[in-house]
Amino acid sequence: MKVVDAIAEILKREGVDTLFGYPVNPLFEGAAKVGIKPIVVRQERIGVHMADALSRVSSGRNVGVFCMQHGPGTENTLGAIAQAYSESVPLLVIPGGYDRRLAHVDPNFSAPKSMGTYVKSVEQLTSGAEIVNVFRRAFTQLRNGRGGPCVVEVPKDVWNEEVPADFDYTPVISTRYGPDPAAVEAAAEMLAKAKRPVIYAGQGVHYARAWPQLRALAERLAIPVCTSLEGKSAFPEDHPLALGSGGAAMPRAVRHFLDEADVIFGVGCSFSETAFGVKMPSGKAIIHATLDPKHLNKDIEVRLGLIGDAGLTLDALNARLADIVKAPRDGKAIAAEIAAVREPWLAEWKAKLTSSETPLTPYRVINDLMKTVDVANTIITHDAGSPRDQLSPFWVSTTPLSYLGWGKTTQLGYGLGLAMGAKMAEPEKLCINVWGDAAIGFTGMDFETAARYRIPILSILFNNFSMACELDIMPESTERFRATDISGNYADLAKALGGYGERVTTPEEIVPAILRGIQKTREGVPVLLEFITCLEKAQSRMTPRK
């Protein structure tokens, strides 16, 4: 057996059924021979994004895999791999490499030499004899501990090398580890005695599939719950104790309850300091439950640390709290306070959410979209810039993994591949990406990939013919040289690429267009609805612009 065929067999044994990538890489043929479906994209970045979404939507149980050509093919993936690393997404990347004798010769690109700072592991397969060891190490990293991309580079002169006659590969084990019982005891006591505790849940809750345990904890102690962008949908946002998700923009209740808290319990989160996260208030007692000990005291000072899987941690806390707090506490007063903060905030935004102005306000489109789709059976993601900050505070997620949030790094165009990968993972669900006219310029050609493979996503595009986020910081460039002006008829582009496209300009057209779009997705056709919108910049403090 040759190396290429052995790698394909390893992938099959590990449960991989789809290979994303861009030629030329011999693994496409090897994988096809064993029944693994190849998905060839228009550019490498989108393929990594699709693999990324496959891993996320399956909570890491199915690992997305991407392969590409050596040299420029690998170089074109770097941004997408860095994006996955920042969001702790487990995915396997298998680039081709230069012949071994040239692999470390300048200026040839070497994955082991160049990619170590933004992957979980990277290794070059130097001979067929080492194939089992190399891939065992990679998959072990992927299925254990905090997620992240793992890279195995295969040099050109290794693919056709023979592997040993006794080649055999056993799928790797997946383990979990839990927190110190003494720390659990201390954390349970602190939470039980807290006067105004708040839970801050991150995407570690998704990977642990610990949604019931999170809800049980919140309801036993009547604790309000907010999430990070990555953790959004880990707690039902229509629950009376839900505050919503945080980011550069957030519902007022998130900030109110965090600022008034005496104890903040972060679970499945890193508490990373980022412009697209929630700034934790100073002077609070922080309990930090995280899978990775490197995150303890990284950006904020914590009182207690619970190291381990979010599910095991919440199980242990719930068990101890059942002894301390014999019956669930009455949450009516907290729920009433949440409503008392939320309702005036929503009232301030009602004019934007229901506006009849033209060009359209993005908030009206988002509001109509949420009222039209079956939210519980929808997976939605934003894009970088204004769409993220306009969507996340107002979209009420009700079921786990129905919102793919992101933002520690913030590459334009990420949302398209996420929606496509999500649709492949959950074909019965409506999968939506919301993006702007800048984002489509980065990855829009891969709408053709959705059409070619009949991946029927619903793509919602806000077109205001401008880089709205940059207007305030580029006034001279805009006034003198129109440097922030961009343009295009993207609905026509969608049609030209083999999908369904529609341009919407008036409020009364919004819902009918969405309904037509949903019907087209049911027919197997990807849809792009282009909404002509005003220069409505998202507000970081979520105060409506007058």
Protein backbone atom coordinates (compact mmCIF):
# COMPACT_ATOMS: atom_id res chain seq x y z
CA MET A 1 0.00 0.00 0.00
CA LYS A 2 1.24 3.47 -0.88
CA VAL A 3 1.25 6.41 1.53
CA VAL A 4 -1.62 8.18 -0.23
CA ASP A 5 -3.85 5.12 0.08
CA ALA A 6 -2.85 4.52 3.69
CA ILE A 7 -3.74 8.10 4.65
CA ALA A 8 -7.14 7.71 2.99
CA GLU A 9 -7.69 4.49 4.93
CA ILE A 10 -6.73 6.22 8.19
CA LEU A 11 -9.22 9.01 7.51
CA LYS A 12 -11.97 6.49 6.78
CA ARG A 13 -11.26 4.57 10.00
CA GLU A 14 -11.43 7.84 11.94
CA GLY A 15 -14.93 8.45 10.59
CA VAL A 16 -14.09 11.08 7.95
CA ASP A 17 -16.59 11.03 5.07
CA THR A 18 -15.83 14.38 3.39
CA LEU A 19 -12.53 15.86 2.23
CA PHE A 20 -12.45 19.60 1.53
CA GLY A 21 -9.65 21.04 -0.53
CA TYR A 22 -8.14 22.45 -3.66
CA PRO A 23 -5.96 20.52 -6.14
CA VAL A 24 -3.34 19.42 -6.78
CA ASN A 25 -3.07 17.02 -3.85
CA PRO A 26 -2.91 13.23 -4.39
CA LEU A 27 -5.16 12.64 -1.40
CA PHE A 28 -8.26 13.56 -3.43
CA GLU A 29 -7.88 10.41 -5.51
CA GLY A 30 -6.91 8.24 -2.57
CA ALA A 31 -9.90 9.43 -0.56
CA ALA A 32 -12.34 8.97 -3.45
CA LYS A 33 -11.23 5.35 -3.84
CA VAL A 34 -12.38 4.56 -0.28
CA GLY A 35 -15.65 6.47 -0.60
CA ILE A 36 -14.71 9.78 1.00
CA LYS A 37 -16.44 12.58 -0.90
CA PRO A 38 -14.17 15.34 -2.24
CA ILE A 39 -15.43 18.94 -2.09
CA VAL A 40 -13.31 21.17 -4.34
CA VAL A 41 -13.66 24.86 -3.55
CA ARG A 42 -12.78 27.96 -5.56
CA GLN A 43 -10.17 29.14 -3.08
CA GLU A 44 -8.45 27.44 -0.18
CA ARG A 45 -9.71 29.68 2.61
CA ILE A 46 -13.36 28.72 2.06
CA GLY A 47 -12.54 25.01 2.17
CA VAL A 48 -10.93 25.38 5.58
CA HIS A 49 -13.96 27.39 6.74
CA MET A 50 -16.27 24.58 5.61
CA ALA A 51 -14.18 21.98 7.46
CA ASP A 52 -14.19 24.31 10.46
CA ALA A 53 -18.01 24.43 10.51
CA LEU A 54 -18.28 20.66 10.19
CA SER A 55 -16.20 20.29 13.35
CA ARG A 56 -18.16 22.97 15.22
CA VAL A 57 -21.64 21.77 14.39
CA SER A 58 -20.72 18.22 15.42
CA SER A 59 -19.10 19.54 18.64
CA GLY A 60 -15.78 18.09 17.49
CA ARG A 61 -17.11 14.53 17.17
CA ASN A 62 -16.60 14.66 13.40
CA VAL A 63 -13.33 16.30 12.44
CA GLY A 64 -13.23 18.50 9.36
CA VAL A 65 -10.32 17.69 7.02
CA PHE A 66 -8.77 19.90 4.35
CA CYS A 67 -5.98 19.22 1.87
CA MET A 68 -4.20 21.39 -0.68
CA GLN A 69 -1.22 21.82 -2.98
CA HIS A 70 2.26 22.46 -1.63
CA GLY A 71 3.66 26.00 -1.74
CA PRO A 72 1.08 28.59 -2.75
CA GLY A 73 -1.84 26.32 -1.89
CA THR A 74 -0.62 26.08 1.67
CA GLU A 75 0.16 29.77 1.83
CA ASN A 76 -3.40 30.64 0.79
CA THR A 77 -4.83 28.74 3.77
CA LEU A 78 -2.90 30.55 6.48
CA GLY A 79 -5.61 33.05 7.37
CA ALA A 80 -8.30 30.38 7.67
CA ILE A 81 -6.10 28.16 9.82
CA ALA A 82 -5.28 31.11 12.08
CA GLN A 83 -9.01 31.84 12.34
CA ALA A 84 -9.72 28.25 13.44
CA TYR A 85 -6.89 28.43 15.96
CA SER A 86 -8.29 31.60 17.51
CA GLU A 87 -11.67 29.89 17.91
CA SER A 88 -10.19 26.58 19.22
CA VAL A 89 -11.68 24.52 16.38
CA PRO A 90 -10.32 20.98 15.88
CA LEU A 91 -9.60 20.35 12.21
CA LEU A 92 -6.99 18.40 10.29
CA VAL A 93 -5.04 20.08 7.50
CA ILE A 94 -2.97 17.93 5.12
CA PRO A 95 -0.88 20.12 2.81
CA GLY A 96 1.45 18.83 0.19
CA GLY A 97 5.09 19.68 0.72
CA TYR A 98 8.20 20.16 -1.37
CA ASP A 99 10.42 17.12 -1.91
CA ARG A 100 12.26 16.27 1.30
CA ARG A 101 15.58 17.44 -0.11
CA LEU A 102 14.06 20.88 -0.81
CA ALA A 103 11.61 21.17 2.09
CA HIS A 104 13.77 23.49 4.18
CA VAL A 105 15.44 25.39 1.36
CA ASP A 106 14.60 29.09 1.19
CA PRO A 107 12.14 30.37 -0.11
CA ASN A 108 10.15 27.12 -0.20
CA PHE A 109 7.25 27.12 2.24
CA SER A 110 7.60 24.66 5.09
CA ALA A 111 4.56 24.00 7.25
CA PRO A 112 6.55 22.73 10.26
CA LYS A 113 8.85 25.72 10.10
CA SER A 114 6.22 28.40 9.47
CA MET A 115 2.93 27.37 11.10
CA GLY A 116 3.85 26.43 14.64
CA THR A 117 2.58 29.60 16.28
CA TYR A 118 -1.07 29.21 15.22
CA VAL A 119 -1.76 25.48 15.17
CA LYS A 120 -2.12 22.94 17.94
CA SER A 121 0.39 20.61 16.30
CA VAL A 122 2.33 20.45 13.05
CA GLU A 123 4.48 17.63 11.73
CA GLN A 124 6.00 16.50 8.46
CA LEU A 125 5.52 12.90 7.38
CA THR A 126 9.08 11.98 6.48
CA SER A 127 8.58 8.33 5.50
CA GLY A 128 5.91 5.73 4.91
CA ALA A 129 7.19 3.78 7.89
CA GLU A 130 6.05 6.57 10.25
CA ILE A 131 2.54 7.06 8.90
CA VAL A 132 0.71 5.39 11.77
CA ASN A 133 2.69 7.24 14.43
CA VAL A 134 2.27 10.63 12.77
CA PHE A 135 -1.47 10.37 12.22
CA ARG A 136 -2.05 8.78 15.61
CA ARG A 137 -0.41 11.82 17.20
CA ALA A 138 -2.44 14.25 15.08
CA PHE A 139 -5.82 12.63 15.77
CA THR A 140 -5.01 12.29 19.45
CA GLN A 141 -4.44 16.02 19.59
CA LEU A 142 -7.68 16.62 17.70
CA ARG A 143 -9.82 14.42 19.97
CA ASN A 144 -8.36 15.40 23.33
CA GLY A 145 -8.02 18.66 25.23
CA ARG A 146 -8.75 22.10 23.84
CA GLY A 147 -9.41 22.18 20.12
CA GLY A 148 -7.22 23.63 17.42
CA PRO A 149 -5.95 22.86 13.91
CA CYS A 150 -3.44 20.04 13.48
CA VAL A 151 -1.25 19.94 10.38
CA VAL A 152 0.46 16.98 8.72
CA GLU A 153 2.59 17.99 5.74
CA VAL A 154 3.29 15.27 3.16
CA PRO A 155 6.27 15.95 0.85
CA LYS A 156 5.82 15.29 -2.87
CA ASP A 157 8.26 12.40 -2.84
CA VAL A 158 6.50 10.63 0.06
CA TRP A 159 2.97 10.18 -1.36
CA ASN A 160 3.90 7.18 -3.49
CA GLU A 161 6.26 5.58 -1.01
CA GLU A 162 5.30 2.12 0.18
CA VAL A 163 4.14 1.68 3.76
CA PRO A 164 5.21 -1.39 5.75
CA ALA A 165 3.42 -4.62 4.91
CA ASP A 166 2.08 -4.87 8.46
CA PHE A 167 0.35 -1.46 8.23
CA ASP A 168 -2.57 -1.22 10.60
CA TYR A 169 -4.25 1.73 12.25
CA THR A 170 -6.63 1.82 15.16
CA PRO A 171 -8.78 4.96 15.70
CA VAL A 172 -7.52 6.99 18.64
CA ILE A 173 -9.11 7.28 22.04
CA SER A 174 -10.96 10.37 23.22
CA THR A 175 -10.63 11.31 26.88
CA ARG A 176 -12.08 13.84 29.29
CA TYR A 177 -10.71 15.16 32.54
CA GLY A 178 -12.43 16.93 35.38
CA PRO A 179 -11.66 19.48 38.09
CA ASP A 180 -10.08 19.07 41.52
CA PRO A 181 -12.84 18.05 43.99
CA ALA A 182 -11.56 20.59 46.52
CA ALA A 183 -11.95 23.36 43.92
CA VAL A 184 -15.47 22.12 43.13
CA GLU A 185 -16.34 22.27 46.83
CA ALA A 186 -15.03 25.84 47.11
CA ALA A 187 -16.77 26.96 43.93
CA ALA A 188 -20.10 25.46 45.00
CA GLU A 189 -19.90 27.22 48.36
CA MET A 190 -19.03 30.53 46.73
CA LEU A 191 -21.87 30.30 44.21
CA ALA A 192 -24.39 29.23 46.83
CA LYS A 193 -23.49 32.18 49.09
CA ALA A 194 -23.25 34.79 46.31
CA LYS A 195 -25.79 37.61 46.41
CA ARG A 196 -25.69 38.48 42.70
CA PRO A 197 -23.93 35.71 40.76
CA VAL A 198 -23.77 35.64 36.95
CA ILE A 199 -22.81 32.77 34.64
CA TYR A 200 -20.70 33.57 31.56
CA ALA A 201 -20.74 30.54 29.22
CA GLY A 202 -18.38 29.98 26.31
CA GLN A 203 -18.10 27.54 23.44
CA GLY A 204 -16.56 24.90 25.69
CA VAL A 205 -20.15 24.19 26.74
CA HIS A 206 -20.90 23.38 23.09
CA TYR A 207 -17.92 21.05 22.68
CA ALA A 208 -18.85 19.25 25.93
CA ARG A 209 -22.52 19.22 24.87
CA ALA A 210 -23.17 20.37 28.44
CA TRP A 211 -26.30 22.38 27.70
CA PRO A 212 -28.59 20.50 30.14
CA GLN A 213 -26.07 20.81 32.97
CA LEU A 214 -25.69 24.56 32.36
CA ARG A 215 -29.43 25.04 32.47
CA ALA A 216 -29.74 22.89 35.61
CA LEU A 217 -27.14 25.01 37.42
CA ALA A 218 -28.78 28.28 36.40
CA GLU A 219 -32.22 27.10 37.48
CA ARG A 220 -31.12 25.60 40.80
CA LEU A 221 -29.49 28.86 41.93
CA ALA A 222 -31.65 31.26 39.85
CA ILE A 223 -28.51 32.67 38.22
CA PRO A 224 -28.76 34.86 35.11
CA VAL A 225 -26.75 33.54 32.16
CA CYS A 226 -24.91 35.37 29.39
CA THR A 227 -22.65 33.87 26.76
CA SER A 228 -19.68 34.83 24.66
CA LEU A 229 -20.22 35.13 20.92
CA GLU A 230 -18.73 31.66 20.53
CA GLY A 231 -20.97 30.34 23.28
CA LYS A 232 -24.17 31.88 21.95
CA SER A 233 -27.01 29.30 21.87
CA ALA A 234 -25.44 27.27 24.72
CA PHE A 235 -28.30 28.60 26.88
CA PRO A 236 -31.78 29.24 25.43
CA GLU A 237 -32.12 32.99 24.99
CA ASP A 238 -35.88 32.86 25.42
CA HIS A 239 -35.38 31.52 28.96
CA PRO A 240 -36.39 33.94 31.76
CA LEU A 241 -32.80 33.84 33.13
CA ALA A 242 -31.14 34.57 29.76
CA LEU A 243 -29.26 37.85 29.33
CA GLY A 244 -28.12 37.28 25.73
CA SER A 245 -24.65 37.17 24.25
CA GLY A 246 -21.81 39.61 24.55
CA GLY A 247 -19.39 41.06 22.06
CA ALA A 248 -18.56 44.48 20.69
CA ALA A 249 -22.33 44.96 20.80
CA MET A 250 -24.58 43.36 23.38
CA PRO A 251 -27.99 43.59 25.01
CA ARG A 252 -28.07 46.04 27.89
CA ALA A 253 -28.88 43.26 30.36
CA VAL A 254 -25.45 41.66 29.80
CA ARG A 255 -23.57 44.73 30.90
CA HIS A 256 -26.03 45.53 33.71
CA PHE A 257 -25.82 42.15 35.42
CA LEU A 258 -22.07 41.69 34.99
CA ASP A 259 -21.38 45.13 36.42
CA GLU A 260 -23.70 44.48 39.37
CA ALA A 261 -22.42 40.95 40.05
CA ASP A 262 -20.44 39.92 43.11
CA VAL A 263 -19.42 36.52 41.66
CA ILE A 264 -18.93 35.71 37.96
CA PHE A 265 -18.71 32.05 36.99
CA GLY A 266 -17.06 31.61 33.60
CA VAL A 267 -17.46 28.12 32.16
CA GLY A 268 -16.12 26.80 28.86
CA CYS A 269 -14.54 30.18 28.12
CA SER A 270 -11.06 31.67 27.95
CA PHE A 271 -11.87 35.18 29.22
CA SER A 272 -9.57 36.38 26.42
CA GLU A 273 -9.31 40.15 26.12
CA THR A 274 -10.58 41.06 22.67
CA ALA A 275 -12.46 43.90 21.03
CA PHE A 276 -15.12 41.33 20.13
CA GLY A 277 -15.62 39.91 23.60
CA VAL A 278 -17.13 41.01 26.90
CA LYS A 279 -14.93 43.12 29.14
CA MET A 280 -15.18 41.75 32.65
CA PRO A 281 -15.69 44.37 35.36
CA SER A 282 -12.97 44.79 37.97
CA GLY A 283 -13.35 43.94 41.62
CA LYS A 284 -15.44 40.80 41.12
CA ALA A 285 -14.80 37.30 42.45
CA ILE A 286 -14.15 35.22 39.33
CA ILE A 287 -14.54 31.46 39.18
CA HIS A 288 -12.98 30.20 35.95
CA ALA A 289 -13.86 26.74 34.62
CA THR A 290 -11.78 26.05 31.52
CA LEU A 291 -10.30 23.09 29.68
CA ASP A 292 -6.91 24.73 29.23
CA PRO A 293 -4.90 25.74 32.33
CA LYS A 294 -2.98 28.24 30.18
CA HIS A 295 -6.08 30.43 30.26
CA LEU A 296 -6.15 30.81 34.04
CA ASN A 297 -5.12 34.35 35.07
CA LYS A 298 -4.22 35.06 31.45
CA ASP A 299 -6.18 38.28 30.98
CA ILE A 300 -8.10 38.61 34.25
CA GLU A 301 -7.39 37.66 37.84
CA VAL A 302 -9.43 34.69 39.06
CA ARG A 303 -10.34 33.58 42.57
CA LEU A 304 -10.87 29.89 41.80
CA GLY A 305 -9.88 27.68 38.88
CA LEU A 306 -11.69 24.53 37.74
CA ILE A 307 -9.65 22.72 35.09
CA GLY A 308 -11.45 20.23 32.90
CA ASP A 309 -14.26 19.40 30.53
CA ALA A 310 -17.23 21.77 30.93
CA GLY A 311 -19.67 18.85 31.21
CA LEU A 312 -17.71 17.09 33.95
CA THR A 313 -17.23 20.39 35.77
CA LEU A 314 -20.93 21.24 35.68
CA ASP A 315 -21.86 17.70 36.70
CA ALA A 316 -19.61 17.96 39.74
CA LEU A 317 -20.90 21.41 40.68
CA ASN A 318 -24.53 20.39 40.29
CA ALA A 319 -24.00 17.30 42.44
CA ARG A 320 -22.42 19.31 45.24
CA LEU A 321 -24.98 22.11 45.02
CA ALA A 322 -27.80 19.59 45.31
CA ASP A 323 -26.54 18.93 48.83
CA ILE A 324 -26.13 22.62 49.70
CA VAL A 325 -29.25 24.05 48.05
CA LYS A 326 -31.91 21.39 48.54
CA ALA A 327 -34.52 22.84 46.19
CA PRO A 328 -34.29 25.18 43.19
CA ARG A 329 -34.43 28.81 44.22
CA ASP A 330 -37.26 31.04 43.08
CA GLY A 331 -36.06 32.90 40.01
CA LYS A 332 -39.06 35.20 39.61
CA ALA A 333 -37.35 38.29 41.05
CA ILE A 334 -34.25 37.87 38.87
CA ALA A 335 -36.38 37.20 35.80
CA ALA A 336 -38.38 40.35 36.52
CA GLU A 337 -35.20 42.40 36.85
CA ILE A 338 -33.91 41.01 33.53
CA ALA A 339 -37.18 41.94 31.84
CA ALA A 340 -37.12 45.38 33.45
CA VAL A 341 -33.70 46.04 31.88
CA ARG A 342 -34.42 44.35 28.54
CA GLU A 343 -37.80 45.86 27.72
CA PRO A 344 -36.78 49.56 27.78
CA TRP A 345 -33.66 48.68 25.77
CA LEU A 346 -35.76 46.93 23.13
CA ALA A 347 -38.20 49.85 23.15
CA GLU A 348 -35.34 52.21 22.31
CA TRP A 349 -34.46 49.99 19.36
CA LYS A 350 -38.01 49.39 18.15
CA ALA A 351 -37.85 52.23 15.64
CA LYS A 352 -34.82 50.61 13.98
CA LEU A 353 -36.17 47.05 14.21
CA THR A 354 -39.47 48.02 12.57
CA SER A 355 -38.33 50.93 10.40
CA SER A 356 -40.03 51.55 7.07
CA GLU A 357 -37.27 53.79 5.78
CA THR A 358 -35.44 53.26 2.51
CA PRO A 359 -32.68 52.41 1.98
CA LEU A 360 -33.47 49.66 4.47
CA THR A 361 -32.01 49.55 7.94
CA PRO A 362 -30.23 46.21 8.58
CA TYR A 363 -32.06 45.91 11.90
CA ARG A 364 -35.42 45.71 10.12
CA VAL A 365 -34.10 42.94 7.89
CA ILE A 366 -32.75 40.99 10.88
CA ASN A 367 -36.00 41.43 12.81
CA ASP A 368 -38.13 40.28 9.88
CA LEU A 369 -35.78 37.37 9.20
CA MET A 370 -36.03 36.10 12.79
CA LYS A 371 -39.82 36.35 12.73
CA THR A 372 -40.05 34.49 9.42
CA VAL A 373 -37.74 31.49 9.83
CA ASP A 374 -38.12 28.54 12.19
CA VAL A 375 -35.43 29.73 14.61
CA ALA A 376 -35.16 26.43 16.46
CA ASN A 377 -34.32 24.61 13.22
CA THR A 378 -32.00 27.25 11.82
CA ILE A 379 -28.23 27.62 12.05
CA ILE A 380 -27.13 31.20 11.52
CA THR A 381 -23.76 32.91 11.48
CA HIS A 382 -22.63 36.48 11.05
CA ASP A 383 -19.67 37.94 9.22
CA ALA A 384 -17.02 40.37 10.41
CA GLY A 385 -17.79 44.04 10.90
CA SER A 386 -21.25 45.52 11.18
CA PRO A 387 -23.27 42.34 10.40
CA ARG A 388 -21.87 40.64 13.50
CA ASP A 389 -22.69 43.54 15.79
CA GLN A 390 -26.10 44.12 14.22
CA LEU A 391 -27.17 40.47 14.37
CA SER A 392 -25.87 39.04 17.64
CA PRO A 393 -27.72 41.24 20.18
CA PHE A 394 -31.12 40.80 18.56
CA TRP A 395 -31.10 37.21 17.33
CA VAL A 396 -32.73 35.05 20.01
CA SER A 397 -31.17 31.57 19.80
CA THR A 398 -33.33 28.85 21.32
CA THR A 399 -31.51 25.58 20.56
CA PRO A 400 -27.87 24.49 20.97
CA LEU A 401 -25.45 25.09 18.09
CA SER A 402 -28.02 27.15 16.22
CA TYR A 403 -25.68 30.17 16.15
CA LEU A 404 -22.04 30.02 15.03
CA GLY A 405 -20.44 33.04 16.65
CA TRP A 406 -16.84 34.14 16.31
CA GLY A 407 -14.60 37.13 16.67
CA LYS A 408 -11.22 36.75 18.40
CA THR A 409 -9.76 37.27 14.97
CA THR A 410 -12.11 38.71 12.43
CA GLN A 411 -11.52 37.85 8.79
CA LEU A 412 -14.02 39.09 6.26
CA GLY A 413 -15.85 36.35 4.37
CA TYR A 414 -15.64 33.66 7.07
CA GLY A 415 -19.42 33.32 7.38
CA LEU A 416 -20.05 31.93 3.88
CA GLY A 417 -17.92 28.82 4.41
CA LEU A 418 -19.34 28.33 7.90
CA ALA A 419 -22.90 28.30 6.55
CA MET A 420 -21.93 25.88 3.78
CA GLY A 421 -20.15 23.52 6.16
CA ALA A 422 -23.04 23.71 8.63
CA LYS A 423 -25.49 22.75 5.88
CA MET A 424 -23.39 19.70 5.04
CA ALA A 425 -23.37 18.70 8.70
CA GLU A 426 -27.10 19.39 9.23
CA PRO A 427 -28.78 19.10 5.80
CA GLU A 428 -32.31 19.28 7.26
CA LYS A 429 -31.74 22.69 8.84
CA LEU A 430 -31.93 26.12 7.24
CA CYS A 431 -28.37 27.49 7.28
CA ILE A 432 -27.89 31.24 6.96
CA ASN A 433 -24.93 33.57 6.73
CA VAL A 434 -25.36 37.32 7.19
CA TRP A 435 -22.65 39.43 5.57
CA GLY A 436 -21.90 42.77 3.98
CA ASP A 437 -20.69 44.08 0.66
CA ALA A 438 -17.08 44.10 1.88
CA ALA A 439 -17.16 40.46 3.02
CA ILE A 440 -18.56 39.16 -0.26
CA GLY A 441 -15.57 40.69 -2.02
CA PHE A 442 -13.29 38.28 -0.15
CA THR A 443 -15.06 34.96 -0.63
CA GLY A 444 -18.11 35.55 -2.84
CA MET A 445 -16.90 33.43 -5.75
CA ASP A 446 -17.36 30.35 -3.61
CA PHE A 447 -21.11 30.87 -3.82
CA GLU A 448 -20.51 28.92 -7.03
CA THR A 449 -19.24 26.02 -4.89
CA ALA A 450 -22.59 25.99 -3.08
CA ALA A 451 -24.38 25.90 -6.45
CA ARG A 452 -22.10 23.22 -7.90
CA TYR A 453 -22.50 20.86 -4.97
CA ARG A 454 -26.14 21.84 -4.34
CA ILE A 455 -25.48 23.12 -0.83
CA PRO A 456 -28.66 25.19 -0.41
CA ILE A 457 -27.75 27.89 2.07
CA LEU A 458 -29.60 31.19 2.53
CA SER A 459 -27.15 34.07 2.21
CA ILE A 460 -28.33 37.46 3.52
CA LEU A 461 -26.29 40.35 2.13
CA PHE A 462 -26.41 43.96 3.30
CA ASN A 463 -25.31 46.27 0.49
CA ASN A 464 -24.81 49.93 1.38
CA PHE A 465 -22.18 50.54 -1.32
CA SER A 466 -19.64 51.50 1.30
CA MET A 467 -17.18 50.28 3.90
CA ALA A 468 -19.35 51.74 6.63
CA CYS A 469 -17.10 50.73 9.56
CA GLU A 470 -14.21 52.67 8.06
CA LEU A 471 -15.99 55.96 7.38
CA ASP A 472 -15.12 57.55 10.71
CA ILE A 473 -11.44 56.59 10.50
CA MET A 474 -10.94 57.41 6.80
CA PRO A 475 -12.72 60.76 6.33
CA GLU A 476 -10.06 62.39 4.17
CA SER A 477 -9.58 59.28 2.03
CA THR A 478 -13.31 59.06 1.51
CA GLU A 479 -13.92 62.75 0.83
CA ARG A 480 -11.03 63.26 -1.57
CA PHE A 481 -10.63 59.85 -3.23
CA ARG A 482 -13.81 57.85 -2.38
CA ALA A 483 -11.53 55.15 -0.95
CA THR A 484 -14.33 53.49 1.04
CA ASP A 485 -16.80 53.23 -1.84
CA ILE A 486 -17.55 49.72 -3.09
CA SER A 487 -20.26 48.54 -5.43
CA GLY A 488 -21.84 45.63 -7.24
CA ASN A 489 -25.08 43.88 -8.08
CA TYR A 490 -24.60 40.78 -6.01
CA ALA A 491 -28.00 39.24 -6.69
CA ASP A 492 -27.07 39.11 -10.37
CA LEU A 493 -23.72 37.59 -9.40
CA ALA A 494 -25.54 34.81 -7.51
CA LYS A 495 -27.63 34.05 -10.60
CA ALA A 496 -24.55 34.04 -12.82
CA LEU A 497 -22.88 31.54 -10.49
CA GLY A 498 -25.80 29.12 -10.66
CA GLY A 499 -27.86 30.08 -7.61
CA TYR A 500 -30.96 32.13 -6.92
CA GLY A 501 -30.52 35.85 -6.42
CA GLU A 502 -32.90 38.62 -5.54
CA ARG A 503 -32.38 42.31 -4.78
CA VAL A 504 -34.70 43.83 -2.17
CA THR A 505 -35.16 47.58 -1.83
CA THR A 506 -38.39 48.21 0.12
CA PRO A 507 -39.63 47.04 3.56
CA GLU A 508 -42.75 45.32 2.25
CA GLU A 509 -40.57 43.10 0.04
CA ILE A 510 -38.43 41.74 2.90
CA VAL A 511 -40.61 38.89 4.18
CA PRO A 512 -41.89 37.72 0.76
CA ALA A 513 -38.30 37.58 -0.50
CA ILE A 514 -37.23 35.55 2.54
CA LEU A 515 -40.10 33.12 2.00
CA ARG A 516 -39.19 32.73 -1.68
CA GLY A 517 -35.59 32.18 -0.68
CA ILE A 518 -36.47 29.50 1.86
CA GLN A 519 -38.54 27.70 -0.76
CA LYS A 520 -35.61 27.74 -3.18
CA THR A 521 -33.32 26.21 -0.53
CA ARG A 522 -35.87 23.42 -0.11
CA GLU A 523 -35.50 22.81 -3.84
CA GLY A 524 -31.75 22.39 -3.38
CA VAL A 525 -30.72 25.82 -4.70
CA PRO A 526 -28.41 28.20 -2.78
CA VAL A 527 -29.93 31.65 -2.36
CA LEU A 528 -28.49 35.13 -2.05
CA LEU A 529 -30.87 37.88 -0.97
CA GLU A 530 -29.30 41.29 -1.44
CA PHE A 531 -30.83 44.02 0.73
CA ILE A 532 -30.04 47.62 -0.19
CA THR A 533 -29.34 49.19 3.17
CA CYS A 534 -28.48 52.58 4.62
CA LEU A 535 -25.13 53.52 6.13
CA GLU A 536 -26.13 52.10 9.50
CA LYS A 537 -23.02 51.41 11.55
CA ALA A 538 -23.37 49.03 14.49
CA GLN A 539 -23.03 50.78 17.82
CA SER A 540 -20.53 49.27 20.25
CA ARG A 541 -22.63 50.28 23.25
CA MET A 542 -25.85 49.44 21.45
CA THR A 543 -27.36 52.92 21.75
CA PRO A 544 -29.57 53.58 18.73
CA ARG A 545 -28.37 56.29 16.41
CA LYS A 546 -30.80 59.22 16.31
